[in-house]
Amino acid sequence: MLKAVEAIIEPDGTIRILEPLSVQVSTRAILTLLTPSFDATVDNETEQLITPKRQFPIPELAGTIKTIGDIVSPIVEEEDWECLK
C-alpha cells in the first residue's frame, strides 16, 4: 500500500514528519524532494510550510500574452470541428 506523508528535511539531514505515522515493521520509503521556495517559511506552531502567494500578473509577462480563445467559447466554429463529421 502506498501512503504519502508530508515532511520537512532540515539542512542537517533531520527529517520531521508533519503528521502522526505508525508502522508495524521496518518499512522502505521513497522520498520525493520538492524544489524549495527561498521565500517559504515554516509555521512553528503547526509545522506547516508557508509559501507566499504569487503576484498576478507576473510583471515580466505583462503585455506579452495574447488570449486567442477561452473556455466559454471555442476558437473555431462548430461546423469546423472534424470530430462531429
N, C-alpha and C. Protein backbone atom coordinates (compact mmCIF):
# COMPACT_ATOMS: atom_id res chain seq x y z
N MET A 1 0.84 -1.18 0.00
CA MET A 1 0.00 0.00 0.00
C MET A 1 0.89 1.24 0.00
N LEU A 2 0.55 2.21 -0.81
CA LEU A 2 1.28 3.47 -0.85
C LEU A 2 0.61 4.47 0.05
N LYS A 3 1.40 5.24 0.75
CA LYS A 3 0.87 6.30 1.60
C LYS A 3 1.79 7.50 1.47
N ALA A 4 1.22 8.67 1.26
CA ALA A 4 2.00 9.89 1.16
C ALA A 4 1.90 10.65 2.47
N VAL A 5 3.04 11.11 2.97
CA VAL A 5 3.06 11.93 4.18
C VAL A 5 3.93 13.14 3.90
N GLU A 6 3.60 14.26 4.52
CA GLU A 6 4.38 15.48 4.34
C GLU A 6 5.45 15.55 5.42
N ALA A 7 6.64 15.94 5.02
CA ALA A 7 7.75 16.06 5.96
C ALA A 7 8.63 17.22 5.55
N ILE A 8 9.46 17.65 6.48
CA ILE A 8 10.44 18.71 6.21
C ILE A 8 11.81 18.12 6.49
N ILE A 9 12.73 18.30 5.54
CA ILE A 9 14.10 17.85 5.73
C ILE A 9 14.93 19.08 6.07
N GLU A 10 15.52 19.04 7.24
CA GLU A 10 16.35 20.15 7.71
C GLU A 10 17.71 20.11 7.01
N PRO A 11 18.43 21.23 6.97
CA PRO A 11 19.75 21.26 6.33
C PRO A 11 20.73 20.24 6.90
N ASP A 12 20.56 19.84 8.18
CA ASP A 12 21.48 18.85 8.76
C ASP A 12 21.06 17.41 8.44
N GLY A 13 19.98 17.22 7.65
CA GLY A 13 19.54 15.90 7.26
C GLY A 13 18.43 15.33 8.12
N THR A 14 18.07 16.01 9.19
CA THR A 14 16.98 15.56 10.05
C THR A 14 15.66 15.63 9.30
N ILE A 15 14.86 14.56 9.38
CA ILE A 15 13.55 14.53 8.72
C ILE A 15 12.48 14.66 9.79
N ARG A 16 11.62 15.69 9.65
CA ARG A 16 10.50 15.89 10.57
C ARG A 16 9.21 15.57 9.83
N ILE A 17 8.52 14.51 10.25
CA ILE A 17 7.24 14.15 9.65
C ILE A 17 6.18 15.04 10.28
N LEU A 18 5.31 15.63 9.45
CA LEU A 18 4.36 16.63 9.92
C LEU A 18 3.01 16.06 10.34
N GLU A 19 2.88 14.75 10.36
CA GLU A 19 1.63 14.13 10.81
C GLU A 19 1.97 12.81 11.49
N PRO A 20 1.09 12.31 12.34
CA PRO A 20 1.37 11.05 13.02
C PRO A 20 1.55 9.92 12.00
N LEU A 21 2.54 9.07 12.25
CA LEU A 21 2.81 7.95 11.35
C LEU A 21 3.22 6.76 12.19
N SER A 22 2.59 5.62 11.94
CA SER A 22 2.89 4.41 12.68
C SER A 22 3.04 3.26 11.71
N VAL A 23 4.11 2.47 11.86
CA VAL A 23 4.31 1.27 11.05
C VAL A 23 4.54 0.09 11.98
N GLN A 24 4.13 -1.09 11.55
CA GLN A 24 4.24 -2.29 12.39
C GLN A 24 5.62 -2.95 12.29
N VAL A 25 6.27 -2.83 11.13
CA VAL A 25 7.59 -3.43 10.89
C VAL A 25 8.45 -2.40 10.17
N SER A 26 9.74 -2.68 10.07
CA SER A 26 10.62 -1.80 9.29
C SER A 26 10.07 -1.69 7.88
N THR A 27 9.98 -0.48 7.38
CA THR A 27 9.32 -0.23 6.11
C THR A 27 10.19 0.64 5.23
N ARG A 28 10.27 0.27 3.94
CA ARG A 28 11.01 1.08 2.99
C ARG A 28 10.22 2.33 2.67
N ALA A 29 10.93 3.40 2.32
CA ALA A 29 10.28 4.66 1.96
C ALA A 29 11.04 5.28 0.79
N ILE A 30 10.32 5.99 -0.03
CA ILE A 30 10.91 6.75 -1.13
C ILE A 30 10.61 8.22 -0.86
N LEU A 31 11.64 9.04 -0.86
CA LEU A 31 11.46 10.48 -0.65
C LEU A 31 11.46 11.19 -1.99
N THR A 32 10.51 12.07 -2.18
CA THR A 32 10.48 12.94 -3.34
C THR A 32 10.74 14.35 -2.84
N LEU A 33 11.85 14.94 -3.26
CA LEU A 33 12.20 16.27 -2.78
C LEU A 33 11.57 17.32 -3.68
N LEU A 34 10.86 18.24 -3.08
CA LEU A 34 10.25 19.34 -3.82
C LEU A 34 11.24 20.49 -3.87
N THR A 35 11.25 21.21 -4.98
CA THR A 35 12.15 22.35 -5.11
C THR A 35 11.80 23.37 -4.03
N PRO A 36 12.79 23.76 -3.23
CA PRO A 36 12.47 24.71 -2.16
C PRO A 36 12.17 26.09 -2.70
N SER A 37 11.24 26.74 -2.05
CA SER A 37 10.95 28.13 -2.36
C SER A 37 11.77 28.95 -1.37
N PHE A 38 12.64 29.81 -1.86
CA PHE A 38 13.55 30.52 -0.98
C PHE A 38 12.85 31.50 -0.05
N ASP A 39 11.61 31.88 -0.39
CA ASP A 39 10.90 32.78 0.50
C ASP A 39 9.84 32.04 1.31
N ALA A 40 9.90 30.69 1.33
CA ALA A 40 8.97 29.90 2.14
C ALA A 40 9.46 29.85 3.58
N THR A 41 8.52 29.77 4.50
CA THR A 41 8.85 29.66 5.92
C THR A 41 8.04 28.53 6.53
N VAL A 42 8.41 28.12 7.73
CA VAL A 42 7.68 27.08 8.44
C VAL A 42 6.98 27.72 9.63
N ASP A 43 5.67 27.47 9.75
CA ASP A 43 4.91 27.94 10.90
C ASP A 43 5.28 27.06 12.08
N ASN A 44 5.95 27.61 13.09
CA ASN A 44 6.43 26.82 14.22
C ASN A 44 5.31 26.19 15.03
N GLU A 45 4.14 26.81 15.03
CA GLU A 45 3.02 26.28 15.81
C GLU A 45 2.41 25.04 15.15
N THR A 46 2.18 25.11 13.84
CA THR A 46 1.55 23.99 13.14
C THR A 46 2.55 23.15 12.36
N GLU A 47 3.79 23.61 12.23
CA GLU A 47 4.85 22.97 11.47
C GLU A 47 4.47 22.79 10.00
N GLN A 48 3.61 23.65 9.48
CA GLN A 48 3.24 23.62 8.08
C GLN A 48 4.13 24.57 7.30
N LEU A 49 4.46 24.19 6.08
CA LEU A 49 5.27 25.04 5.21
C LEU A 49 4.38 26.13 4.64
N ILE A 50 4.80 27.38 4.78
CA ILE A 50 4.03 28.52 4.31
C ILE A 50 4.77 29.14 3.13
N THR A 51 4.13 29.17 1.98
CA THR A 51 4.73 29.83 0.82
C THR A 51 3.88 31.05 0.49
N PRO A 52 4.52 32.16 0.19
CA PRO A 52 3.75 33.37 -0.12
C PRO A 52 2.99 33.20 -1.42
N LYS A 53 1.85 33.88 -1.52
CA LYS A 53 1.06 33.82 -2.74
C LYS A 53 1.77 34.59 -3.84
N ARG A 54 1.66 34.06 -5.07
CA ARG A 54 2.26 34.74 -6.21
C ARG A 54 1.49 36.01 -6.53
N GLN A 55 2.19 36.95 -7.10
CA GLN A 55 1.55 38.18 -7.54
C GLN A 55 1.07 37.97 -8.98
N PHE A 56 -0.13 38.41 -9.26
CA PHE A 56 -0.67 38.29 -10.62
C PHE A 56 -0.98 39.67 -11.13
N PRO A 57 -0.73 40.00 -12.35
CA PRO A 57 0.01 39.20 -13.31
C PRO A 57 1.51 39.24 -13.03
N ILE A 58 2.22 38.30 -13.61
CA ILE A 58 3.67 38.27 -13.45
C ILE A 58 4.24 39.46 -14.22
N PRO A 59 4.96 40.34 -13.56
CA PRO A 59 5.42 41.58 -14.20
C PRO A 59 6.20 41.35 -15.50
N GLU A 60 7.02 40.29 -15.56
CA GLU A 60 7.83 40.04 -16.75
C GLU A 60 6.97 39.68 -17.97
N LEU A 61 5.75 39.18 -17.74
CA LEU A 61 4.89 38.77 -18.84
C LEU A 61 3.88 39.84 -19.25
N ALA A 62 3.80 40.91 -18.50
CA ALA A 62 2.82 41.96 -18.79
C ALA A 62 3.00 42.47 -20.21
N GLY A 63 1.91 42.45 -20.97
CA GLY A 63 1.92 42.95 -22.33
C GLY A 63 2.49 42.01 -23.37
N THR A 64 2.86 40.78 -22.99
CA THR A 64 3.47 39.85 -23.95
C THR A 64 2.56 38.69 -24.32
N ILE A 65 1.38 38.59 -23.70
CA ILE A 65 0.50 37.45 -23.93
C ILE A 65 -0.77 37.92 -24.63
N LYS A 66 -1.21 37.11 -25.61
CA LYS A 66 -2.44 37.41 -26.33
C LYS A 66 -3.39 36.24 -26.15
N THR A 67 -4.60 36.49 -25.65
CA THR A 67 -5.60 35.45 -25.47
C THR A 67 -6.29 35.22 -26.80
N ILE A 68 -6.29 33.95 -27.29
CA ILE A 68 -6.91 33.66 -28.58
C ILE A 68 -8.19 32.83 -28.43
N GLY A 69 -8.52 32.42 -27.25
CA GLY A 69 -9.74 31.65 -27.01
C GLY A 69 -9.95 31.53 -25.52
N ASP A 70 -11.10 31.02 -25.13
CA ASP A 70 -11.35 30.82 -23.71
C ASP A 70 -12.21 29.58 -23.53
N ILE A 71 -12.52 29.23 -22.30
CA ILE A 71 -13.29 28.02 -22.06
C ILE A 71 -14.79 28.23 -22.26
N VAL A 72 -15.21 29.46 -22.49
CA VAL A 72 -16.62 29.75 -22.70
C VAL A 72 -17.00 29.57 -24.16
N SER A 73 -16.12 30.00 -25.05
CA SER A 73 -16.41 29.86 -26.48
C SER A 73 -15.17 29.31 -27.19
N PRO A 74 -15.37 28.40 -28.15
CA PRO A 74 -14.23 27.82 -28.86
C PRO A 74 -13.60 28.82 -29.83
N ILE A 75 -12.37 28.52 -30.23
CA ILE A 75 -11.66 29.37 -31.19
C ILE A 75 -12.28 29.25 -32.58
N VAL A 76 -12.66 28.02 -32.95
CA VAL A 76 -13.24 27.79 -34.28
C VAL A 76 -14.73 27.47 -34.14
N GLU A 77 -15.46 27.66 -35.22
CA GLU A 77 -16.90 27.39 -35.22
C GLU A 77 -17.16 25.88 -35.17
N GLU A 78 -18.34 25.48 -34.66
CA GLU A 78 -18.68 24.07 -34.55
C GLU A 78 -18.68 23.37 -35.91
N GLU A 79 -19.00 24.09 -36.98
CA GLU A 79 -19.02 23.49 -38.31
C GLU A 79 -17.63 22.99 -38.72
N ASP A 80 -16.58 23.56 -38.13
CA ASP A 80 -15.22 23.18 -38.49
C ASP A 80 -14.66 22.06 -37.60
N TRP A 81 -15.45 21.57 -36.66
CA TRP A 81 -14.97 20.50 -35.78
C TRP A 81 -14.99 19.18 -36.53
N GLU A 82 -13.85 18.60 -36.76
CA GLU A 82 -13.77 17.34 -37.50
C GLU A 82 -14.38 16.18 -36.73
N CYS A 83 -14.36 16.24 -35.42
CA CYS A 83 -14.89 15.13 -34.62
C CYS A 83 -16.40 15.00 -34.75
N LEU A 84 -17.10 16.04 -35.22
CA LEU A 84 -18.55 15.99 -35.37
C LEU A 84 -18.97 15.51 -36.75
N LYS A 85 -18.01 15.32 -37.65
CA LYS A 85 -18.33 14.91 -39.03
C LYS A 85 -18.43 13.42 -39.15
